Amino acid sequence: MNLSQGLRLRRIRSLARLLTALSLLVVLVSAYLRLQGAGLGCADWPACYARLLALPPAAPDYGIARLLHRAVASLSLLLACALAWQCWRRPALRPVTFPATLLLLLMLALSALGIWSSDPRLTLVNLLNILGGLGLVSFSWRVALASEPPAMMLQRHAAPTVLLRLGAGCLTLTVILGALIGATYMASACTTFPDCQGSWWPVAAGWPALPTLAVLQAAPQPADPAGVNLHLLHRYAAVATLLLLGAAGLQALARPERRLAAALLLLLLVTTVALGILTVLSGFSLWLAVAHGVCAAALLATLATLLQRG
């Protein structure tokens, strides 16, 4: 690799790290806007939860937060275009072109999705926005990882362990279930922990009533069968993730070159689970719920590091 390519990789790595930080900020602000509108942490909980579902579709005005979200999202899109150009201009840097292109396509898709985001009743739009925001953080960080110097990549690369792969699968499932709870405003369906409104196992009546990604008409009430099932599935998937990723992280601590990423993974894993529990016990505090989502995004990025390095 010549000096010119090395400088390009350094610029790409700096841009990708900046995009990761901006993507985390986008996740934080968008979660605040969505949950504040949904009514999490409101004084007359749960009566005001998902109050927007009863109103005509309109973008609520949250002043500075909405302006900040638009400004950061727009800046991120411009930086993603610059990042893709740095990767594709001749001679193309093959290791980073694929994740950088995926990142740009995801940003363009989320920008187009914004046309329908003013209506909180559209479950599919809500779900794609939540998952897309988490994907931005993960993909941005993957570009940073792919732009590491070749010598470092050769030194650190190894096949991920079975435990790590299983843990990654469980974390993906947990995130999808959590996003579905948020997209369907199902928080109020389960307000107790560790049980869920007296249930410890998904109820039979809940399976046919699971959200079909249709237009929502009202927020579910406590003990809603579909909500109970979603919450319990999310919790059991989180337990499996805690056990599998926790064991994989402890394994990785034995390798000096993976120790920092493994320690951060374990810290974020415990923090994310703890924030999820505290969110329920607090009566769904707005800021605890936002912090839970941001930590989940950071956990996905940290997991990408360990998957890259084995």
C-alpha atoms as a PDB file:
ATOM      1  CA  MET A   1       0.000   0.000   0.000  1.00  0.00           C
ATOM      2  CA  ASN A   2       1.458   3.378  -1.060  1.00  0.00           C
ATOM      3  CA  LEU A   3       1.468   6.601   0.927  1.00  0.00           C
ATOM      4  CA  SER A   4      -1.481   8.089  -0.989  1.00  0.00           C
ATOM      5  CA  GLN A   5      -3.724   5.108  -0.214  1.00  0.00           C
ATOM      6  CA  GLY A   6      -2.640   5.200   3.419  1.00  0.00           C
ATOM      7  CA  LEU A   7      -3.682   8.846   3.694  1.00  0.00           C
ATOM      8  CA  ARG A   8      -7.027   8.064   2.043  1.00  0.00           C
ATOM      9  CA  LEU A   9      -7.657   5.241   4.496  1.00  0.00           C
ATOM     10  CA  ARG A  10      -6.843   7.584   7.373  1.00  0.00           C
ATOM     11  CA  ARG A  11      -9.344  10.159   6.066  1.00  0.00           C
ATOM     12  CA  ILE A  12     -11.956   7.446   5.576  1.00  0.00           C
ATOM     13  CA  ARG A  13     -11.396   6.142   9.108  1.00  0.00           C
ATOM     14  CA  SER A  14     -11.758   9.654  10.566  1.00  0.00           C
ATOM     15  CA  LEU A  15     -14.959  10.273   8.579  1.00  0.00           C
ATOM     16  CA  ALA A  16     -16.394   6.900   9.615  1.00  0.00           C
ATOM     17  CA  ARG A  17     -15.694   7.553  13.298  1.00  0.00           C
ATOM     18  CA  LEU A  18     -17.317  10.973  13.057  1.00  0.00           C
ATOM     19  CA  LEU A  19     -20.325   9.396  11.337  1.00  0.00           C
ATOM     20  CA  THR A  20     -20.579   6.813  14.120  1.00  0.00           C
ATOM     21  CA  ALA A  21     -20.745   9.578  16.729  1.00  0.00           C
ATOM     22  CA  LEU A  22     -23.310  11.535  14.680  1.00  0.00           C
ATOM     23  CA  SER A  23     -25.376   8.374  14.153  1.00  0.00           C
ATOM     24  CA  LEU A  24     -25.481   7.804  17.919  1.00  0.00           C
ATOM     25  CA  LEU A  25     -26.711  11.381  18.308  1.00  0.00           C
ATOM     26  CA  VAL A  26     -29.393  10.756  15.653  1.00  0.00           C
ATOM     27  CA  VAL A  27     -30.524   7.630  17.530  1.00  0.00           C
ATOM     28  CA  LEU A  28     -30.694   9.594  20.798  1.00  0.00           C
ATOM     29  CA  VAL A  29     -32.651  12.557  19.404  1.00  0.00           C
ATOM     30  CA  SER A  30     -35.028  10.461  17.287  1.00  0.00           C
ATOM     31  CA  ALA A  31     -35.748   8.206  20.282  1.00  0.00           C
ATOM     32  CA  TYR A  32     -36.486  11.295  22.385  1.00  0.00           C
ATOM     33  CA  LEU A  33     -38.844  12.706  19.729  1.00  0.00           C
ATOM     34  CA  ARG A  34     -40.669   9.397  19.281  1.00  0.00           C
ATOM     35  CA  LEU A  35     -40.976   8.556  22.977  1.00  0.00           C
ATOM     36  CA  GLN A  36     -41.801  12.082  24.092  1.00  0.00           C
ATOM     37  CA  GLY A  37     -44.642  12.101  21.569  1.00  0.00           C
ATOM     38  CA  ALA A  38     -45.714   8.649  22.711  1.00  0.00           C
ATOM     39  CA  GLY A  39     -45.998   9.936  26.260  1.00  0.00           C
ATOM     40  CA  LEU A  40     -43.315   7.920  28.061  1.00  0.00           C
ATOM     41  CA  GLY A  41     -42.685   9.472  31.450  1.00  0.00           C
ATOM     42  CA  CYS A  42     -45.809  11.656  31.267  1.00  0.00           C
ATOM     43  CA  ALA A  43     -47.484  12.719  34.512  1.00  0.00           C
ATOM     44  CA  ASP A  44     -50.770  10.905  33.908  1.00  0.00           C
ATOM     45  CA  TRP A  45     -49.186   7.631  32.818  1.00  0.00           C
ATOM     46  CA  PRO A  46     -50.497   5.439  31.281  1.00  0.00           C
ATOM     47  CA  ALA A  47     -53.481   7.548  30.156  1.00  0.00           C
ATOM     48  CA  CYS A  48     -51.331   9.811  27.944  1.00  0.00           C
ATOM     49  CA  TYR A  49     -49.245   7.014  26.449  1.00  0.00           C
ATOM     50  CA  ALA A  50     -49.332   7.060  22.624  1.00  0.00           C
ATOM     51  CA  ARG A  51     -51.698  10.009  22.706  1.00  0.00           C
ATOM     52  CA  LEU A  52     -50.597  10.932  19.180  1.00  0.00           C
ATOM     53  CA  LEU A  53     -52.409   7.857  17.860  1.00  0.00           C
ATOM     54  CA  ALA A  54     -55.731   9.549  18.572  1.00  0.00           C
ATOM     55  CA  LEU A  55     -54.805  12.727  16.674  1.00  0.00           C
ATOM     56  CA  PRO A  56     -54.726  13.479  12.926  1.00  0.00           C
ATOM     57  CA  PRO A  57     -51.332  12.712  11.345  1.00  0.00           C
ATOM     58  CA  ALA A  58     -49.059  15.689  11.926  1.00  0.00           C
ATOM     59  CA  ALA A  59     -45.472  16.242  12.900  1.00  0.00           C
ATOM     60  CA  PRO A  60     -45.407  17.444  16.522  1.00  0.00           C
ATOM     61  CA  ASP A  61     -43.308  20.514  17.222  1.00  0.00           C
ATOM     62  CA  TYR A  62     -40.508  19.821  19.686  1.00  0.00           C
ATOM     63  CA  GLY A  63     -38.489  22.904  18.721  1.00  0.00           C
ATOM     64  CA  ILE A  64     -34.754  22.536  19.145  1.00  0.00           C
ATOM     65  CA  ALA A  65     -34.827  18.728  19.284  1.00  0.00           C
ATOM     66  CA  ARG A  66     -36.485  18.444  15.862  1.00  0.00           C
ATOM     67  CA  LEU A  67     -34.138  21.042  14.334  1.00  0.00           C
ATOM     68  CA  LEU A  68     -31.144  19.228  15.833  1.00  0.00           C
ATOM     69  CA  HIS A  69     -32.361  15.908  14.427  1.00  0.00           C
ATOM     70  CA  ARG A  70     -32.745  17.338  10.919  1.00  0.00           C
ATOM     71  CA  ALA A  71     -29.414  19.171  11.033  1.00  0.00           C
ATOM     72  CA  VAL A  72     -27.441  16.152  12.259  1.00  0.00           C
ATOM     73  CA  ALA A  73     -29.191  13.783   9.819  1.00  0.00           C
ATOM     74  CA  SER A  74     -28.485  16.141   6.900  1.00  0.00           C
ATOM     75  CA  LEU A  75     -24.836  16.547   7.907  1.00  0.00           C
ATOM     76  CA  SER A  76     -24.509  12.768   8.247  1.00  0.00           C
ATOM     77  CA  LEU A  77     -25.875  12.256   4.729  1.00  0.00           C
ATOM     78  CA  LEU A  78     -23.361  14.748   3.289  1.00  0.00           C
ATOM     79  CA  LEU A  79     -20.513  13.051   5.143  1.00  0.00           C
ATOM     80  CA  ALA A  80     -21.692   9.635   3.936  1.00  0.00           C
ATOM     81  CA  CYS A  81     -21.577  10.913   0.332  1.00  0.00           C
ATOM     82  CA  ALA A  82     -18.032  12.209   0.901  1.00  0.00           C
ATOM     83  CA  LEU A  83     -17.082   8.888   2.496  1.00  0.00           C
ATOM     84  CA  ALA A  84     -18.431   6.864  -0.443  1.00  0.00           C
ATOM     85  CA  TRP A  85     -16.592   9.127  -2.904  1.00  0.00           C
ATOM     86  CA  GLN A  86     -13.338   8.650  -1.002  1.00  0.00           C
ATOM     87  CA  CYS A  87     -13.814   4.877  -1.241  1.00  0.00           C
ATOM     88  CA  TRP A  88     -14.870   4.657  -4.892  1.00  0.00           C
ATOM     89  CA  ARG A  89     -12.599   7.193  -6.585  1.00  0.00           C
ATOM     90  CA  ARG A  90      -9.763   5.576  -8.503  1.00  0.00           C
ATOM     91  CA  PRO A  91      -8.048   3.482  -7.450  1.00  0.00           C
ATOM     92  CA  ALA A  92     -11.037   2.117  -5.503  1.00  0.00           C
ATOM     93  CA  LEU A  93     -10.298   0.815  -2.006  1.00  0.00           C
ATOM     94  CA  ARG A  94     -12.097  -2.517  -2.161  1.00  0.00           C
ATOM     95  CA  PRO A  95     -12.185  -3.481   1.553  1.00  0.00           C
ATOM     96  CA  VAL A  96     -14.163  -0.359   2.496  1.00  0.00           C
ATOM     97  CA  THR A  97     -16.311   0.251  -0.596  1.00  0.00           C
ATOM     98  CA  PHE A  98     -18.964  -2.344   0.295  1.00  0.00           C
ATOM     99  CA  PRO A  99     -19.775  -1.175   3.876  1.00  0.00           C
ATOM    100  CA  ALA A 100     -19.499   2.486   2.815  1.00  0.00           C
ATOM    101  CA  THR A 101     -21.955   1.930  -0.040  1.00  0.00           C
ATOM    102  CA  LEU A 102     -24.367   0.074   2.255  1.00  0.00           C
ATOM    103  CA  LEU A 103     -24.157   2.964   4.731  1.00  0.00           C
ATOM    104  CA  LEU A 104     -24.979   5.535   2.037  1.00  0.00           C
ATOM    105  CA  LEU A 105     -27.879   3.452   0.683  1.00  0.00           C
ATOM    106  CA  LEU A 106     -29.293   3.055   4.198  1.00  0.00           C
ATOM    107  CA  MET A 107     -29.116   6.814   4.774  1.00  0.00           C
ATOM    108  CA  LEU A 108     -30.867   7.501   1.465  1.00  0.00           C
ATOM    109  CA  ALA A 109     -33.571   4.949   2.323  1.00  0.00           C
ATOM    110  CA  LEU A 110     -34.149   6.525   5.748  1.00  0.00           C
ATOM    111  CA  SER A 111     -34.316   9.977   4.141  1.00  0.00           C
ATOM    112  CA  ALA A 112     -37.027   8.722   1.773  1.00  0.00           C
ATOM    113  CA  LEU A 113     -38.813   7.047   4.679  1.00  0.00           C
ATOM    114  CA  GLY A 114     -39.008  10.430   6.391  1.00  0.00           C
ATOM    115  CA  ILE A 115     -41.886  11.358   4.057  1.00  0.00           C
ATOM    116  CA  TRP A 116     -44.192   9.051   6.045  1.00  0.00           C
ATOM    117  CA  SER A 117     -42.617   9.551   9.485  1.00  0.00           C
ATOM    118  CA  SER A 118     -45.044  12.282  10.536  1.00  0.00           C
ATOM    119  CA  ASP A 119     -47.788   9.686  11.118  1.00  0.00           C
ATOM    120  CA  PRO A 120     -46.999   7.745  14.335  1.00  0.00           C
ATOM    121  CA  ARG A 121     -49.708   5.171  13.519  1.00  0.00           C
ATOM    122  CA  LEU A 122     -47.683   3.564  10.705  1.00  0.00           C
ATOM    123  CA  THR A 123     -46.104   0.617  12.481  1.00  0.00           C
ATOM    124  CA  LEU A 124     -43.869  -0.462   9.603  1.00  0.00           C
ATOM    125  CA  VAL A 125     -42.444   3.047   9.207  1.00  0.00           C
ATOM    126  CA  ASN A 126     -41.782   3.225  12.962  1.00  0.00           C
ATOM    127  CA  LEU A 127     -40.062  -0.169  12.921  1.00  0.00           C
ATOM    128  CA  LEU A 128     -37.870   0.630   9.921  1.00  0.00           C
ATOM    129  CA  ASN A 129     -36.878   3.977  11.429  1.00  0.00           C
ATOM    130  CA  ILE A 130     -35.810   2.356  14.710  1.00  0.00           C
ATOM    131  CA  LEU A 131     -33.885  -0.480  13.058  1.00  0.00           C
ATOM    132  CA  GLY A 132     -32.421   1.874  10.452  1.00  0.00           C
ATOM    133  CA  GLY A 133     -31.066   4.210  13.135  1.00  0.00           C
ATOM    134  CA  LEU A 134     -29.354   1.287  14.876  1.00  0.00           C
ATOM    135  CA  GLY A 135     -28.022   0.123  11.504  1.00  0.00           C
ATOM    136  CA  LEU A 136     -26.440   3.545  10.875  1.00  0.00           C
ATOM    137  CA  VAL A 137     -24.293   3.213  13.990  1.00  0.00           C
ATOM    138  CA  SER A 138     -23.254  -0.345  13.156  1.00  0.00           C
ATOM    139  CA  PHE A 139     -22.489   0.303   9.477  1.00  0.00           C
ATOM    140  CA  SER A 140     -20.546   3.506  10.212  1.00  0.00           C
ATOM    141  CA  TRP A 141     -18.364   1.654  12.673  1.00  0.00           C
ATOM    142  CA  ARG A 142     -17.890  -1.236  10.223  1.00  0.00           C
ATOM    143  CA  VAL A 143     -16.445   1.236   7.713  1.00  0.00           C
ATOM    144  CA  ALA A 144     -14.011   2.438  10.389  1.00  0.00           C
ATOM    145  CA  LEU A 145     -13.004  -1.169  11.093  1.00  0.00           C
ATOM    146  CA  ALA A 146     -12.569  -1.980   7.393  1.00  0.00           C
ATOM    147  CA  SER A 147     -10.269   1.032   6.956  1.00  0.00           C
ATOM    148  CA  GLU A 148      -7.756  -0.141   9.541  1.00  0.00           C
ATOM    149  CA  PRO A 149      -4.165  -0.510   8.265  1.00  0.00           C
ATOM    150  CA  PRO A 150      -3.649  -3.877   6.491  1.00  0.00           C
ATOM    151  CA  ALA A 151      -0.964  -4.960   8.950  1.00  0.00           C
ATOM    152  CA  MET A 152      -3.316  -4.428  11.889  1.00  0.00           C
ATOM    153  CA  MET A 153      -6.141  -6.305  10.153  1.00  0.00           C
ATOM    154  CA  LEU A 154      -3.897  -9.288   9.406  1.00  0.00           C
ATOM    155  CA  GLN A 155      -2.652  -9.326  12.994  1.00  0.00           C
ATOM    156  CA  ARG A 156      -6.093  -9.162  14.579  1.00  0.00           C
ATOM    157  CA  HIS A 157      -8.352 -11.031  12.172  1.00  0.00           C
ATOM    158  CA  ALA A 158      -9.619 -14.437  13.269  1.00  0.00           C
ATOM    159  CA  ALA A 159     -12.775 -16.434  12.734  1.00  0.00           C
ATOM    160  CA  PRO A 160     -15.480 -15.533  15.290  1.00  0.00           C
ATOM    161  CA  THR A 161     -16.174 -18.226  17.857  1.00  0.00           C
ATOM    162  CA  VAL A 162     -19.405 -20.203  17.879  1.00  0.00           C
ATOM    163  CA  LEU A 163     -20.445 -18.497  21.129  1.00  0.00           C
ATOM    164  CA  LEU A 164     -19.912 -15.079  19.567  1.00  0.00           C
ATOM    165  CA  ARG A 165     -21.953 -15.977  16.486  1.00  0.00           C
ATOM    166  CA  LEU A 166     -24.793 -17.369  18.601  1.00  0.00           C
ATOM    167  CA  GLY A 167     -24.694 -14.307  20.831  1.00  0.00           C
ATOM    168  CA  ALA A 168     -24.811 -12.034  17.780  1.00  0.00           C
ATOM    169  CA  GLY A 169     -27.884 -13.889  16.504  1.00  0.00           C
ATOM    170  CA  CYS A 170     -29.622 -13.575  19.873  1.00  0.00           C
ATOM    171  CA  LEU A 171     -28.765  -9.880  20.109  1.00  0.00           C
ATOM    172  CA  THR A 172     -30.204  -9.293  16.637  1.00  0.00           C
ATOM    173  CA  LEU A 173     -33.439 -11.027  17.631  1.00  0.00           C
ATOM    174  CA  THR A 174     -33.597  -9.068  20.908  1.00  0.00           C
ATOM    175  CA  VAL A 175     -33.135  -5.769  19.082  1.00  0.00           C
ATOM    176  CA  ILE A 176     -35.842  -6.589  16.530  1.00  0.00           C
ATOM    177  CA  LEU A 177     -38.312  -7.537  19.282  1.00  0.00           C
ATOM    178  CA  GLY A 178     -37.468  -4.389  21.242  1.00  0.00           C
ATOM    179  CA  ALA A 179     -37.914  -2.263  18.115  1.00  0.00           C
ATOM    180  CA  LEU A 180     -41.295  -3.905  17.495  1.00  0.00           C
ATOM    181  CA  ILE A 181     -42.391  -3.041  21.050  1.00  0.00           C
ATOM    182  CA  GLY A 182     -41.439   0.578  20.416  1.00  0.00           C
ATOM    183  CA  ALA A 183     -42.975   0.692  16.935  1.00  0.00           C
ATOM    184  CA  THR A 184     -46.333  -0.602  18.185  1.00  0.00           C
ATOM    185  CA  TYR A 185     -46.374   1.446  21.432  1.00  0.00           C
ATOM    186  CA  MET A 186     -46.560  -1.773  23.464  1.00  0.00           C
ATOM    187  CA  ALA A 187     -44.696  -0.440  26.514  1.00  0.00           C
ATOM    188  CA  SER A 188     -47.912  -0.093  28.483  1.00  0.00           C
ATOM    189  CA  ALA A 189     -48.821  -3.742  27.910  1.00  0.00           C
ATOM    190  CA  CYS A 190     -46.302  -4.898  30.515  1.00  0.00           C
ATOM    191  CA  THR A 191     -45.592  -2.690  33.509  1.00  0.00           C
ATOM    192  CA  THR A 192     -44.177  -5.274  35.958  1.00  0.00           C
ATOM    193  CA  PHE A 193     -40.839  -7.058  36.331  1.00  0.00           C
ATOM    194  CA  PRO A 194     -39.666  -9.846  36.387  1.00  0.00           C
ATOM    195  CA  ASP A 195     -43.132 -11.177  35.550  1.00  0.00           C
ATOM    196  CA  CYS A 196     -45.278  -9.524  32.890  1.00  0.00           C
ATOM    197  CA  GLN A 197     -48.674  -8.619  34.353  1.00  0.00           C
ATOM    198  CA  GLY A 198     -48.603 -11.919  36.284  1.00  0.00           C
ATOM    199  CA  SER A 199     -47.462 -13.997  33.283  1.00  0.00           C
ATOM    200  CA  TRP A 200     -44.133 -15.787  33.011  1.00  0.00           C
ATOM    201  CA  TRP A 201     -44.683 -17.407  29.639  1.00  0.00           C
ATOM    202  CA  PRO A 202     -46.305 -16.131  26.419  1.00  0.00           C
ATOM    203  CA  VAL A 203     -50.081 -16.552  26.505  1.00  0.00           C
ATOM    204  CA  ALA A 204     -51.888 -18.517  23.806  1.00  0.00           C
ATOM    205  CA  ALA A 205     -54.349 -15.695  23.125  1.00  0.00           C
ATOM    206  CA  GLY A 206     -51.490 -13.372  22.234  1.00  0.00           C
ATOM    207  CA  TRP A 207     -50.155 -15.195  19.190  1.00  0.00           C
ATOM    208  CA  PRO A 208     -53.045 -14.387  16.809  1.00  0.00           C
ATOM    209  CA  ALA A 209     -53.054 -10.779  18.052  1.00  0.00           C
ATOM    210  CA  LEU A 210     -49.341 -10.078  17.463  1.00  0.00           C
ATOM    211  CA  PRO A 211     -48.844  -6.837  15.492  1.00  0.00           C
ATOM    212  CA  THR A 212     -49.287  -7.266  11.753  1.00  0.00           C
ATOM    213  CA  LEU A 213     -47.569  -3.948  10.898  1.00  0.00           C
ATOM    214  CA  ALA A 214     -50.952  -2.396  10.165  1.00  0.00           C
ATOM    215  CA  VAL A 215     -52.065   1.169  10.947  1.00  0.00           C
ATOM    216  CA  LEU A 216     -52.490   1.594  14.706  1.00  0.00           C
ATOM    217  CA  GLN A 217     -55.702   2.997  16.125  1.00  0.00           C
ATOM    218  CA  ALA A 218     -54.898   3.183  19.844  1.00  0.00           C
ATOM    219  CA  ALA A 219     -52.218   2.206  22.320  1.00  0.00           C
ATOM    220  CA  PRO A 220     -52.611  -1.255  23.881  1.00  0.00           C
ATOM    221  CA  GLN A 221     -53.735  -1.463  27.488  1.00  0.00           C
ATOM    222  CA  PRO A 222     -51.911  -3.233  30.340  1.00  0.00           C
ATOM    223  CA  ALA A 223     -52.032  -7.045  30.004  1.00  0.00           C
ATOM    224  CA  ASP A 224     -52.770  -6.828  26.270  1.00  0.00           C
ATOM    225  CA  PRO A 225     -52.092 -10.466  25.174  1.00  0.00           C
ATOM    226  CA  ALA A 226     -50.000  -9.519  22.128  1.00  0.00           C
ATOM    227  CA  GLY A 227     -48.002  -7.020  24.171  1.00  0.00           C
ATOM    228  CA  VAL A 228     -47.394  -9.546  26.945  1.00  0.00           C
ATOM    229  CA  ASN A 229     -46.031 -12.017  24.400  1.00  0.00           C
ATOM    230  CA  LEU A 230     -43.763  -9.425  22.795  1.00  0.00           C
ATOM    231  CA  HIS A 231     -42.370  -8.304  26.142  1.00  0.00           C
ATOM    232  CA  LEU A 232     -41.725 -11.857  27.345  1.00  0.00           C
ATOM    233  CA  LEU A 233     -40.073 -12.858  24.058  1.00  0.00           C
ATOM    234  CA  HIS A 234     -37.898  -9.747  24.259  1.00  0.00           C
ATOM    235  CA  ARG A 235     -36.907 -10.520  27.849  1.00  0.00           C
ATOM    236  CA  TYR A 236     -36.085 -14.183  27.219  1.00  0.00           C
ATOM    237  CA  ALA A 237     -34.077 -13.249  24.126  1.00  0.00           C
ATOM    238  CA  ALA A 238     -32.228 -10.680  26.260  1.00  0.00           C
ATOM    239  CA  VAL A 239     -31.403 -13.362  28.854  1.00  0.00           C
ATOM    240  CA  ALA A 240     -30.047 -15.653  26.123  1.00  0.00           C
ATOM    241  CA  THR A 241     -28.016 -12.748  24.724  1.00  0.00           C
ATOM    242  CA  LEU A 242     -26.637 -11.928  28.179  1.00  0.00           C
ATOM    243  CA  LEU A 243     -25.512 -15.526  28.708  1.00  0.00           C
ATOM    244  CA  LEU A 244     -24.070 -16.153  25.234  1.00  0.00           C
ATOM    245  CA  LEU A 245     -22.436 -12.778  24.606  1.00  0.00           C
ATOM    246  CA  GLY A 246     -21.289 -12.647  28.226  1.00  0.00           C
ATOM    247  CA  ALA A 247     -19.528 -16.017  27.845  1.00  0.00           C
ATOM    248  CA  ALA A 248     -18.056 -14.946  24.479  1.00  0.00           C
ATOM    249  CA  GLY A 249     -16.815 -11.680  25.994  1.00  0.00           C
ATOM    250  CA  LEU A 250     -15.171 -13.500  28.905  1.00  0.00           C
ATOM    251  CA  GLN A 251     -13.493 -15.829  26.391  1.00  0.00           C
ATOM    252  CA  ALA A 252     -12.190 -12.855  24.394  1.00  0.00           C
ATOM    253  CA  LEU A 253     -10.707 -11.256  27.534  1.00  0.00           C
ATOM    254  CA  ALA A 254      -8.010 -13.938  27.440  1.00  0.00           C
ATOM    255  CA  ARG A 255      -6.648 -12.506  24.150  1.00  0.00           C
ATOM    256  CA  PRO A 256      -4.681  -9.244  24.686  1.00  0.00           C
ATOM    257  CA  GLU A 257      -5.536  -7.832  21.241  1.00  0.00           C
ATOM    258  CA  ARG A 258      -9.281  -8.305  21.906  1.00  0.00           C
ATOM    259  CA  ARG A 259      -9.313  -7.404  25.596  1.00  0.00           C
ATOM    260  CA  LEU A 260     -10.435  -3.774  25.241  1.00  0.00           C
ATOM    261  CA  ALA A 261     -13.308  -4.592  22.840  1.00  0.00           C
ATOM    262  CA  ALA A 262     -14.366  -7.539  25.022  1.00  0.00           C
ATOM    263  CA  ALA A 263     -14.379  -5.430  28.205  1.00  0.00           C
ATOM    264  CA  LEU A 264     -16.445  -2.725  26.480  1.00  0.00           C
ATOM    265  CA  LEU A 265     -18.846  -5.370  25.157  1.00  0.00           C
ATOM    266  CA  LEU A 266     -19.398  -6.787  28.647  1.00  0.00           C
ATOM    267  CA  LEU A 267     -19.885  -3.307  30.129  1.00  0.00           C
ATOM    268  CA  LEU A 268     -22.408  -2.272  27.457  1.00  0.00           C
ATOM    269  CA  LEU A 269     -24.205  -5.615  27.674  1.00  0.00           C
ATOM    270  CA  VAL A 270     -24.766  -5.323  31.427  1.00  0.00           C
ATOM    271  CA  THR A 271     -25.630  -1.616  31.151  1.00  0.00           C
ATOM    272  CA  THR A 272     -28.186  -2.181  28.374  1.00  0.00           C
ATOM    273  CA  VAL A 273     -29.929  -4.961  30.310  1.00  0.00           C
ATOM    274  CA  ALA A 274     -29.891  -2.912  33.525  1.00  0.00           C
ATOM    275  CA  LEU A 275     -31.364   0.126  31.761  1.00  0.00           C
ATOM    276  CA  GLY A 276     -34.130  -2.020  30.292  1.00  0.00           C
ATOM    277  CA  ILE A 277     -35.057  -3.312  33.751  1.00  0.00           C
ATOM    278  CA  LEU A 278     -34.876   0.155  35.314  1.00  0.00           C
ATOM    279  CA  THR A 279     -37.070   1.573  32.556  1.00  0.00           C
ATOM    280  CA  VAL A 280     -39.877  -0.788  33.546  1.00  0.00           C
ATOM    281  CA  LEU A 281     -39.374  -0.399  37.295  1.00  0.00           C
ATOM    282  CA  SER A 282     -39.359   3.409  37.005  1.00  0.00           C
ATOM    283  CA  GLY A 283     -42.753   3.477  35.319  1.00  0.00           C
ATOM    284  CA  PHE A 284     -41.121   3.997  31.905  1.00  0.00           C
ATOM    285  CA  SER A 285     -38.910   7.017  32.504  1.00  0.00           C
ATOM    286  CA  LEU A 286     -38.310   8.838  29.244  1.00  0.00           C
ATOM    287  CA  TRP A 287     -34.558   9.270  29.669  1.00  0.00           C
ATOM    288  CA  LEU A 288     -33.976   5.715  30.843  1.00  0.00           C
ATOM    289  CA  ALA A 289     -35.801   4.471  27.748  1.00  0.00           C
ATOM    290  CA  VAL A 290     -33.700   6.737  25.501  1.00  0.00           C
ATOM    291  CA  ALA A 291     -30.481   5.603  27.209  1.00  0.00           C
ATOM    292  CA  HIS A 292     -31.535   1.951  26.729  1.00  0.00           C
ATOM    293  CA  GLY A 293     -31.801   2.485  22.975  1.00  0.00           C
ATOM    294  CA  VAL A 294     -28.501   4.379  22.695  1.00  0.00           C
ATOM    295  CA  CYS A 295     -26.661   1.683  24.660  1.00  0.00           C
ATOM    296  CA  ALA A 296     -28.144  -0.980  22.381  1.00  0.00           C
ATOM    297  CA  ALA A 297     -26.763   0.896  19.356  1.00  0.00           C
ATOM    298  CA  ALA A 298     -23.311   1.142  20.954  1.00  0.00           C
ATOM    299  CA  LEU A 299     -23.482  -2.560  21.840  1.00  0.00           C
ATOM    300  CA  LEU A 300     -24.132  -3.471  18.194  1.00  0.00           C
ATOM    301  CA  ALA A 301     -21.091  -1.453  17.100  1.00  0.00           C
ATOM    302  CA  THR A 302     -18.890  -3.067  19.753  1.00  0.00           C
ATOM    303  CA  LEU A 303     -20.102  -6.498  18.697  1.00  0.00           C
ATOM    304  CA  ALA A 304     -19.072  -5.639  15.117  1.00  0.00           C
ATOM    305  CA  THR A 305     -15.539  -5.051  16.418  1.00  0.00           C
ATOM    306  CA  LEU A 306     -15.329  -8.486  18.003  1.00  0.00           C
ATOM    307  CA  LEU A 307     -16.868 -10.162  14.942  1.00  0.00           C
ATOM    308  CA  GLN A 308     -14.243  -8.441  12.794  1.00  0.00           C
ATOM    309  CA  ARG A 309     -11.384  -9.469  15.034  1.00  0.00           C
ATOM    310  CA  GLY A 310     -12.679 -12.884  16.069  1.00  0.00           C
END
